[in-house]
N, C-alpha and C. Protein backbone atom coordinates (compact mmCIF):
# COMPACT_ATOMS: atom_id res chain seq x y z
N UNK A 1 2.48 16.11 -4.68
CA UNK A 1 1.45 15.14 -4.90
C UNK A 1 0.49 15.16 -3.62
N UNK A 2 -0.77 15.02 -3.85
CA UNK A 2 -1.74 15.03 -2.83
C UNK A 2 -1.38 13.97 -1.80
N UNK A 3 -1.24 14.32 -0.48
CA UNK A 3 -0.79 13.46 0.55
C UNK A 3 -1.89 12.91 1.45
N UNK A 4 -3.12 13.08 1.07
CA UNK A 4 -4.16 12.66 1.97
C UNK A 4 -5.27 11.74 1.31
N UNK A 5 -4.80 10.97 0.32
CA UNK A 5 -5.72 10.00 -0.31
C UNK A 5 -6.13 8.89 0.58
N UNK A 6 -7.36 8.43 0.45
CA UNK A 6 -7.87 7.24 1.14
C UNK A 6 -7.91 6.12 0.04
N UNK A 7 -7.24 5.11 0.20
CA UNK A 7 -7.18 4.05 -0.78
C UNK A 7 -7.77 2.71 -0.30
N UNK A 8 -8.55 2.00 -1.17
CA UNK A 8 -9.05 0.75 -0.83
C UNK A 8 -8.49 -0.24 -1.87
N UNK A 9 -7.72 -1.28 -1.41
CA UNK A 9 -7.19 -2.36 -2.23
C UNK A 9 -8.17 -3.51 -2.13
N UNK A 10 -8.63 -3.93 -3.31
CA UNK A 10 -9.64 -5.03 -3.26
C UNK A 10 -9.02 -6.21 -4.11
N UNK A 11 -8.38 -7.14 -3.42
CA UNK A 11 -7.64 -8.26 -4.17
C UNK A 11 -7.39 -9.34 -3.14
N UNK A 12 -7.57 -10.58 -3.64
CA UNK A 12 -7.52 -11.70 -2.78
C UNK A 12 -6.04 -12.20 -2.65
N UNK A 13 -5.19 -11.62 -3.46
CA UNK A 13 -3.67 -11.97 -3.48
C UNK A 13 -3.00 -11.04 -2.40
N UNK A 14 -2.63 -11.64 -1.29
CA UNK A 14 -2.05 -10.88 -0.29
C UNK A 14 -0.62 -10.23 -0.68
N UNK A 15 0.05 -10.96 -1.57
CA UNK A 15 1.41 -10.45 -1.95
C UNK A 15 1.11 -9.19 -2.82
N UNK A 16 0.10 -9.22 -3.72
CA UNK A 16 -0.17 -8.07 -4.46
C UNK A 16 -0.62 -6.84 -3.61
N UNK A 17 -1.40 -7.13 -2.56
CA UNK A 17 -1.76 -6.13 -1.64
C UNK A 17 -0.56 -5.51 -0.87
N UNK A 18 0.33 -6.32 -0.41
CA UNK A 18 1.58 -5.83 0.27
C UNK A 18 2.38 -5.02 -0.70
N UNK A 19 2.48 -5.37 -1.94
CA UNK A 19 3.29 -4.66 -2.96
C UNK A 19 2.70 -3.33 -3.23
N UNK A 20 1.42 -3.33 -3.37
CA UNK A 20 0.68 -2.07 -3.62
C UNK A 20 0.71 -1.13 -2.49
N UNK A 21 0.58 -1.66 -1.18
CA UNK A 21 0.68 -0.92 0.02
C UNK A 21 2.05 -0.25 0.12
N UNK A 22 3.12 -1.12 -0.18
CA UNK A 22 4.44 -0.60 -0.01
C UNK A 22 4.72 0.58 -1.05
N UNK A 23 4.25 0.43 -2.32
CA UNK A 23 4.44 1.45 -3.26
C UNK A 23 3.61 2.70 -2.88
N UNK A 24 2.47 2.55 -2.35
CA UNK A 24 1.61 3.72 -1.99
C UNK A 24 2.33 4.51 -0.78
N UNK A 25 2.80 3.66 0.12
CA UNK A 25 3.56 4.30 1.33
C UNK A 25 4.68 5.00 0.87
N UNK A 26 5.54 4.43 -0.15
CA UNK A 26 6.67 5.04 -0.60
C UNK A 26 6.47 6.31 -1.39
N UNK A 27 5.34 6.45 -2.03
CA UNK A 27 4.91 7.62 -2.74
C UNK A 27 4.49 8.74 -1.69
N UNK A 28 4.10 8.26 -0.51
CA UNK A 28 3.63 9.20 0.49
C UNK A 28 2.45 9.99 0.12
N UNK A 29 1.44 9.42 -0.49
CA UNK A 29 0.30 10.01 -1.11
C UNK A 29 -1.00 9.69 -0.28
N UNK A 30 -0.91 8.89 0.70
CA UNK A 30 -2.02 8.27 1.35
C UNK A 30 -2.26 8.67 2.81
N UNK A 31 -3.50 9.02 3.16
CA UNK A 31 -3.89 9.23 4.54
C UNK A 31 -4.15 7.82 5.16
N UNK A 32 -4.73 6.98 4.28
CA UNK A 32 -5.10 5.60 4.78
C UNK A 32 -5.10 4.70 3.57
N UNK A 33 -4.71 3.44 3.91
CA UNK A 33 -4.78 2.33 2.93
C UNK A 33 -5.56 1.10 3.60
N UNK A 34 -6.68 0.82 3.06
CA UNK A 34 -7.47 -0.40 3.60
C UNK A 34 -7.40 -1.45 2.54
N UNK A 35 -7.53 -2.70 3.12
CA UNK A 35 -7.49 -3.89 2.20
C UNK A 35 -8.87 -4.70 2.41
N UNK A 36 -9.39 -5.18 1.35
CA UNK A 36 -10.43 -6.18 1.32
C UNK A 36 -9.98 -7.42 0.44
N UNK A 37 -10.21 -8.49 0.85
CA UNK A 37 -9.75 -9.65 0.13
C UNK A 37 -10.69 -10.24 -0.86
N UNK A 38 -11.92 -9.64 -0.94
CA UNK A 38 -12.78 -9.97 -1.97
C UNK A 38 -13.88 -8.84 -2.04
N UNK A 39 -14.73 -8.97 -3.05
CA UNK A 39 -15.73 -7.95 -3.26
C UNK A 39 -16.73 -7.74 -2.09
N UNK A 40 -17.02 -8.85 -1.51
CA UNK A 40 -17.88 -8.80 -0.31
C UNK A 40 -17.37 -7.96 0.84
N UNK A 41 -16.15 -8.22 1.14
CA UNK A 41 -15.39 -7.38 2.13
C UNK A 41 -15.33 -5.96 1.87
N UNK A 42 -15.10 -5.69 0.59
CA UNK A 42 -15.12 -4.28 0.09
C UNK A 42 -16.48 -3.55 0.33
N UNK A 43 -17.51 -4.28 -0.06
CA UNK A 43 -18.90 -3.74 0.09
C UNK A 43 -19.18 -3.53 1.66
N UNK A 44 -18.79 -4.45 2.41
CA UNK A 44 -18.92 -4.30 3.93
C UNK A 44 -18.20 -3.10 4.35
N UNK A 45 -16.92 -2.95 3.84
CA UNK A 45 -16.19 -1.73 4.26
C UNK A 45 -16.83 -0.50 3.82
N UNK A 46 -17.26 -0.33 2.69
CA UNK A 46 -17.90 0.86 2.10
C UNK A 46 -19.18 1.18 2.85
N UNK A 47 -19.91 0.21 3.31
CA UNK A 47 -21.15 0.51 4.03
C UNK A 47 -20.99 0.70 5.51
N UNK A 48 -19.85 0.37 6.01
CA UNK A 48 -19.55 0.61 7.41
C UNK A 48 -19.55 2.10 7.75
N UNK A 49 -19.54 2.44 9.08
CA UNK A 49 -19.45 3.76 9.45
C UNK A 49 -18.45 3.88 10.68
N UNK A 50 -17.88 5.00 10.78
CA UNK A 50 -16.92 5.19 11.88
C UNK A 50 -17.61 5.79 13.07
N UNK A 51 -16.95 6.13 14.19
CA UNK A 51 -17.54 6.57 15.42
C UNK A 51 -18.53 7.82 15.20
N UNK A 52 -18.15 8.72 14.25
CA UNK A 52 -19.01 9.81 13.92
C UNK A 52 -20.13 9.57 12.99
N UNK A 53 -20.34 8.28 12.57
CA UNK A 53 -21.25 7.85 11.69
C UNK A 53 -20.98 8.17 10.18
N UNK A 54 -19.79 8.38 9.92
CA UNK A 54 -19.36 8.59 8.43
C UNK A 54 -18.90 7.37 7.75
N UNK A 55 -19.23 7.26 6.48
CA UNK A 55 -18.74 6.08 5.73
C UNK A 55 -17.31 6.41 5.25
N UNK A 56 -16.54 5.42 5.01
CA UNK A 56 -15.09 5.50 4.66
C UNK A 56 -14.79 6.43 3.46
N UNK A 57 -15.60 6.20 2.42
CA UNK A 57 -15.50 6.96 1.11
C UNK A 57 -14.04 7.13 0.68
N UNK A 58 -13.37 6.07 0.25
CA UNK A 58 -12.12 6.16 -0.39
C UNK A 58 -12.07 6.93 -1.60
N UNK A 59 -10.89 7.63 -1.88
CA UNK A 59 -10.77 8.35 -3.07
C UNK A 59 -10.44 7.46 -4.26
N UNK A 60 -9.79 6.34 -3.91
CA UNK A 60 -9.22 5.49 -5.05
C UNK A 60 -9.52 3.97 -4.64
N UNK A 61 -10.03 3.14 -5.55
CA UNK A 61 -10.20 1.82 -5.37
C UNK A 61 -9.43 1.09 -6.47
N UNK A 62 -8.43 0.24 -5.91
CA UNK A 62 -7.82 -0.66 -6.94
C UNK A 62 -8.54 -1.94 -6.85
N UNK A 63 -9.19 -2.51 -7.93
CA UNK A 63 -10.07 -3.64 -7.86
C UNK A 63 -9.60 -4.74 -8.86
N UNK A 64 -9.35 -5.93 -8.21
CA UNK A 64 -9.09 -7.16 -8.91
C UNK A 64 -10.30 -7.68 -9.66
N UNK A 65 -10.20 -8.43 -10.67
CA UNK A 65 -11.40 -9.16 -11.26
C UNK A 65 -11.66 -10.42 -10.67
N UNK A 66 -10.54 -11.26 -10.61
CA UNK A 66 -10.84 -12.70 -10.25
C UNK A 66 -10.56 -12.83 -8.71
N UNK A 67 -11.65 -12.95 -7.97
CA UNK A 67 -11.54 -13.20 -6.56
C UNK A 67 -12.60 -14.22 -6.06
N UNK A 68 -12.36 -14.83 -4.93
CA UNK A 68 -13.47 -15.75 -4.45
C UNK A 68 -14.70 -14.94 -3.87
N UNK A 69 -15.77 -15.67 -3.69
CA UNK A 69 -16.94 -15.18 -3.08
C UNK A 69 -17.68 -14.15 -3.98
N UNK A 70 -17.05 -12.98 -4.05
CA UNK A 70 -17.65 -11.81 -4.86
C UNK A 70 -16.45 -11.26 -5.66
N UNK A 71 -16.53 -11.55 -7.01
CA UNK A 71 -15.48 -11.09 -7.89
C UNK A 71 -15.59 -9.60 -8.20
N UNK A 72 -14.72 -9.01 -9.02
CA UNK A 72 -14.71 -7.65 -9.30
C UNK A 72 -16.03 -7.25 -10.10
N UNK A 73 -16.50 -8.04 -10.96
CA UNK A 73 -17.69 -7.64 -11.70
C UNK A 73 -18.86 -7.69 -10.83
N UNK A 74 -18.97 -8.70 -9.95
CA UNK A 74 -20.06 -8.73 -8.95
C UNK A 74 -19.98 -7.63 -8.05
N UNK A 75 -18.81 -7.23 -7.58
CA UNK A 75 -18.56 -6.02 -6.74
C UNK A 75 -19.24 -4.81 -7.32
N UNK A 76 -19.01 -4.61 -8.58
CA UNK A 76 -19.43 -3.48 -9.33
C UNK A 76 -20.93 -3.37 -9.43
N UNK A 77 -21.58 -4.55 -9.60
CA UNK A 77 -23.09 -4.63 -9.49
C UNK A 77 -23.58 -4.16 -8.07
N UNK A 78 -22.96 -4.69 -7.06
CA UNK A 78 -23.35 -4.30 -5.71
C UNK A 78 -23.04 -2.81 -5.39
N UNK A 79 -21.83 -2.42 -5.95
CA UNK A 79 -21.44 -1.08 -5.72
C UNK A 79 -22.38 -0.10 -6.34
N UNK A 80 -22.98 -0.50 -7.45
CA UNK A 80 -23.93 0.33 -8.16
C UNK A 80 -25.25 0.64 -7.34
N UNK A 81 -25.44 -0.30 -6.44
CA UNK A 81 -26.64 -0.14 -5.57
C UNK A 81 -26.37 0.70 -4.29
N UNK A 82 -25.28 1.06 -4.03
CA UNK A 82 -24.94 1.79 -2.83
C UNK A 82 -25.34 3.26 -2.98
N UNK A 83 -25.56 3.89 -1.89
CA UNK A 83 -26.03 5.31 -1.84
C UNK A 83 -24.76 6.17 -2.23
N UNK A 84 -25.06 7.36 -2.66
CA UNK A 84 -23.91 8.28 -2.95
C UNK A 84 -23.06 8.56 -1.72
N UNK A 85 -23.84 8.57 -0.59
CA UNK A 85 -23.11 8.75 0.79
C UNK A 85 -22.06 7.61 1.01
N UNK A 86 -22.44 6.52 0.58
CA UNK A 86 -21.49 5.26 0.79
C UNK A 86 -20.42 5.23 -0.29
N UNK A 87 -20.71 5.63 -1.57
CA UNK A 87 -19.70 5.68 -2.55
C UNK A 87 -18.78 6.78 -2.38
N UNK A 88 -19.27 8.02 -2.13
CA UNK A 88 -18.33 9.11 -2.24
C UNK A 88 -17.85 9.55 -3.65
N UNK A 89 -16.83 10.35 -3.72
CA UNK A 89 -16.22 10.66 -4.96
C UNK A 89 -15.01 9.74 -5.18
N UNK A 90 -15.21 8.74 -5.87
CA UNK A 90 -14.06 7.63 -5.97
C UNK A 90 -13.65 7.44 -7.42
N UNK A 91 -12.43 7.09 -7.58
CA UNK A 91 -11.85 6.56 -8.91
C UNK A 91 -11.70 5.10 -8.73
N UNK A 92 -12.26 4.34 -9.56
CA UNK A 92 -12.05 2.83 -9.48
C UNK A 92 -11.16 2.45 -10.65
N UNK A 93 -10.04 1.80 -10.32
CA UNK A 93 -9.05 1.28 -11.29
C UNK A 93 -9.07 -0.13 -11.18
N UNK A 94 -9.42 -0.80 -12.29
CA UNK A 94 -9.35 -2.32 -12.27
C UNK A 94 -7.95 -2.74 -12.49
N UNK A 95 -7.35 -3.65 -11.68
CA UNK A 95 -6.01 -4.11 -11.66
C UNK A 95 -6.17 -5.62 -11.92
N UNK A 96 -5.56 -6.19 -12.98
CA UNK A 96 -5.80 -7.54 -13.31
C UNK A 96 -4.61 -8.21 -14.02
N UNK A 97 -4.47 -9.51 -13.98
CA UNK A 97 -3.62 -10.26 -14.77
C UNK A 97 -4.32 -10.83 -16.03
N UNK A 98 -5.65 -10.57 -16.08
CA UNK A 98 -6.44 -11.01 -17.22
C UNK A 98 -5.91 -10.54 -18.52
N UNK A 99 -5.90 -11.28 -19.52
CA UNK A 99 -5.63 -10.90 -20.86
C UNK A 99 -6.88 -11.07 -21.68
N UNK A 100 -7.95 -11.29 -21.13
CA UNK A 100 -9.17 -11.61 -21.85
C UNK A 100 -9.77 -10.17 -22.39
N UNK A 101 -9.82 -10.11 -23.69
CA UNK A 101 -10.32 -8.92 -24.30
C UNK A 101 -11.75 -8.44 -23.92
N UNK A 102 -12.57 -9.56 -23.56
CA UNK A 102 -13.90 -9.22 -23.08
C UNK A 102 -13.89 -8.46 -21.79
N UNK A 103 -12.85 -8.77 -20.88
CA UNK A 103 -12.71 -7.90 -19.73
C UNK A 103 -12.34 -6.46 -19.99
N UNK A 104 -11.53 -6.27 -20.88
CA UNK A 104 -11.18 -4.83 -21.34
C UNK A 104 -12.39 -4.11 -21.84
N UNK A 105 -13.24 -4.86 -22.72
CA UNK A 105 -14.40 -4.23 -23.26
C UNK A 105 -15.38 -3.88 -22.19
N UNK A 106 -15.61 -4.95 -21.36
CA UNK A 106 -16.56 -4.76 -20.11
C UNK A 106 -16.11 -3.66 -19.28
N UNK A 107 -14.81 -3.46 -19.03
CA UNK A 107 -14.33 -2.40 -18.18
C UNK A 107 -14.54 -1.02 -18.84
N UNK A 108 -14.33 -0.93 -20.09
CA UNK A 108 -14.55 0.32 -20.78
C UNK A 108 -15.98 0.75 -20.77
N UNK A 109 -16.88 -0.18 -20.80
CA UNK A 109 -18.37 0.01 -20.85
C UNK A 109 -18.96 0.34 -19.47
N UNK A 110 -18.18 0.03 -18.35
CA UNK A 110 -18.68 0.22 -17.11
C UNK A 110 -18.34 1.74 -16.69
N UNK A 111 -19.36 2.52 -16.24
CA UNK A 111 -19.17 3.84 -15.83
C UNK A 111 -18.39 4.12 -14.63
N UNK A 112 -18.31 3.04 -13.79
CA UNK A 112 -17.54 3.21 -12.51
C UNK A 112 -16.05 3.12 -12.72
N UNK A 113 -15.57 2.29 -13.72
CA UNK A 113 -14.21 2.07 -13.93
C UNK A 113 -13.58 3.20 -14.73
N UNK A 114 -12.63 3.91 -14.12
CA UNK A 114 -12.01 5.01 -14.75
C UNK A 114 -10.72 4.54 -15.44
N UNK A 115 -10.07 3.41 -15.13
CA UNK A 115 -8.94 2.95 -15.70
C UNK A 115 -8.92 1.43 -15.58
N UNK A 116 -8.02 0.89 -16.35
CA UNK A 116 -7.78 -0.62 -16.47
C UNK A 116 -6.18 -0.77 -16.56
N UNK A 117 -5.74 -1.49 -15.60
CA UNK A 117 -4.29 -1.61 -15.61
C UNK A 117 -3.87 -3.02 -15.32
N UNK A 118 -2.79 -3.50 -15.90
CA UNK A 118 -2.31 -4.83 -15.78
C UNK A 118 -1.35 -4.90 -14.51
N UNK A 119 -1.49 -6.05 -13.77
CA UNK A 119 -0.54 -6.22 -12.66
C UNK A 119 0.78 -6.76 -13.19
N UNK A 120 1.81 -6.53 -12.39
CA UNK A 120 1.91 -5.64 -11.26
C UNK A 120 1.91 -4.16 -11.71
N UNK A 121 1.34 -3.32 -10.85
CA UNK A 121 1.40 -1.93 -11.03
C UNK A 121 2.70 -1.39 -10.54
N UNK A 122 3.57 -1.02 -11.36
CA UNK A 122 4.89 -0.53 -10.79
C UNK A 122 4.72 0.91 -10.10
N UNK A 123 5.60 1.29 -9.29
CA UNK A 123 5.53 2.50 -8.57
C UNK A 123 5.39 3.66 -9.54
N UNK A 124 6.17 3.63 -10.68
CA UNK A 124 6.03 4.74 -11.67
C UNK A 124 4.75 4.80 -12.24
N UNK A 125 4.10 3.63 -12.55
CA UNK A 125 2.68 3.65 -13.18
C UNK A 125 1.78 4.13 -12.13
N UNK A 126 1.99 3.76 -10.85
CA UNK A 126 1.07 4.08 -9.85
C UNK A 126 1.17 5.65 -9.60
N UNK A 127 2.33 6.20 -9.60
CA UNK A 127 2.52 7.64 -9.45
C UNK A 127 1.82 8.38 -10.56
N UNK A 128 2.01 7.89 -11.76
CA UNK A 128 1.48 8.57 -13.01
C UNK A 128 -0.04 8.58 -12.85
N UNK A 129 -0.58 7.43 -12.55
CA UNK A 129 -2.12 7.29 -12.43
C UNK A 129 -2.51 8.31 -11.31
N UNK A 130 -2.00 8.35 -10.16
CA UNK A 130 -2.41 9.29 -9.05
C UNK A 130 -2.27 10.71 -9.51
N UNK A 131 -1.18 11.05 -10.19
CA UNK A 131 -1.03 12.40 -10.67
C UNK A 131 -1.97 12.81 -11.68
N UNK A 132 -2.41 11.85 -12.55
CA UNK A 132 -3.40 12.13 -13.59
C UNK A 132 -4.71 12.55 -13.02
N UNK A 133 -5.13 11.97 -11.83
CA UNK A 133 -6.39 12.34 -11.23
C UNK A 133 -6.33 13.37 -10.11
N UNK A 134 -5.22 13.48 -9.44
CA UNK A 134 -5.16 14.39 -8.27
C UNK A 134 -4.12 15.52 -8.33
N UNK A 135 -3.17 15.47 -9.21
CA UNK A 135 -2.10 16.51 -9.22
C UNK A 135 -2.68 17.87 -9.56
N UNK A 136 -3.71 17.89 -10.38
CA UNK A 136 -4.14 19.24 -10.81
C UNK A 136 -5.30 19.75 -9.86
N UNK A 137 -5.70 18.93 -8.92
CA UNK A 137 -6.78 19.41 -7.99
C UNK A 137 -6.13 20.10 -6.74
């Protein structure tokens, strides 16, 4: 498994973030794991630059729907306005406890969302998801 993924967790639930961080670390697939507690923090992270002037450009974003300030859908609207340099080559996976069929349909229609998963995302499902996008690369 590719061991140098940069992952951004966007979720206001700290327990979910800890659980996902634990599983990602256990899989040994990540170079970095960053956390944003809402969509606004995620946008600020994506538009930030490091010492060399580079944007973070995560490979994978796990995105919650229901969050304070800027929710998952609002994040996607803001994300759409970012430059390609700020976005990078990213896979966005929506993680949610929502059972609302409208959310599923909306996710399917959004070009940025590559997958839609229910919480909690087990380590096996996480490994399967990561392998489906990066194992063959």
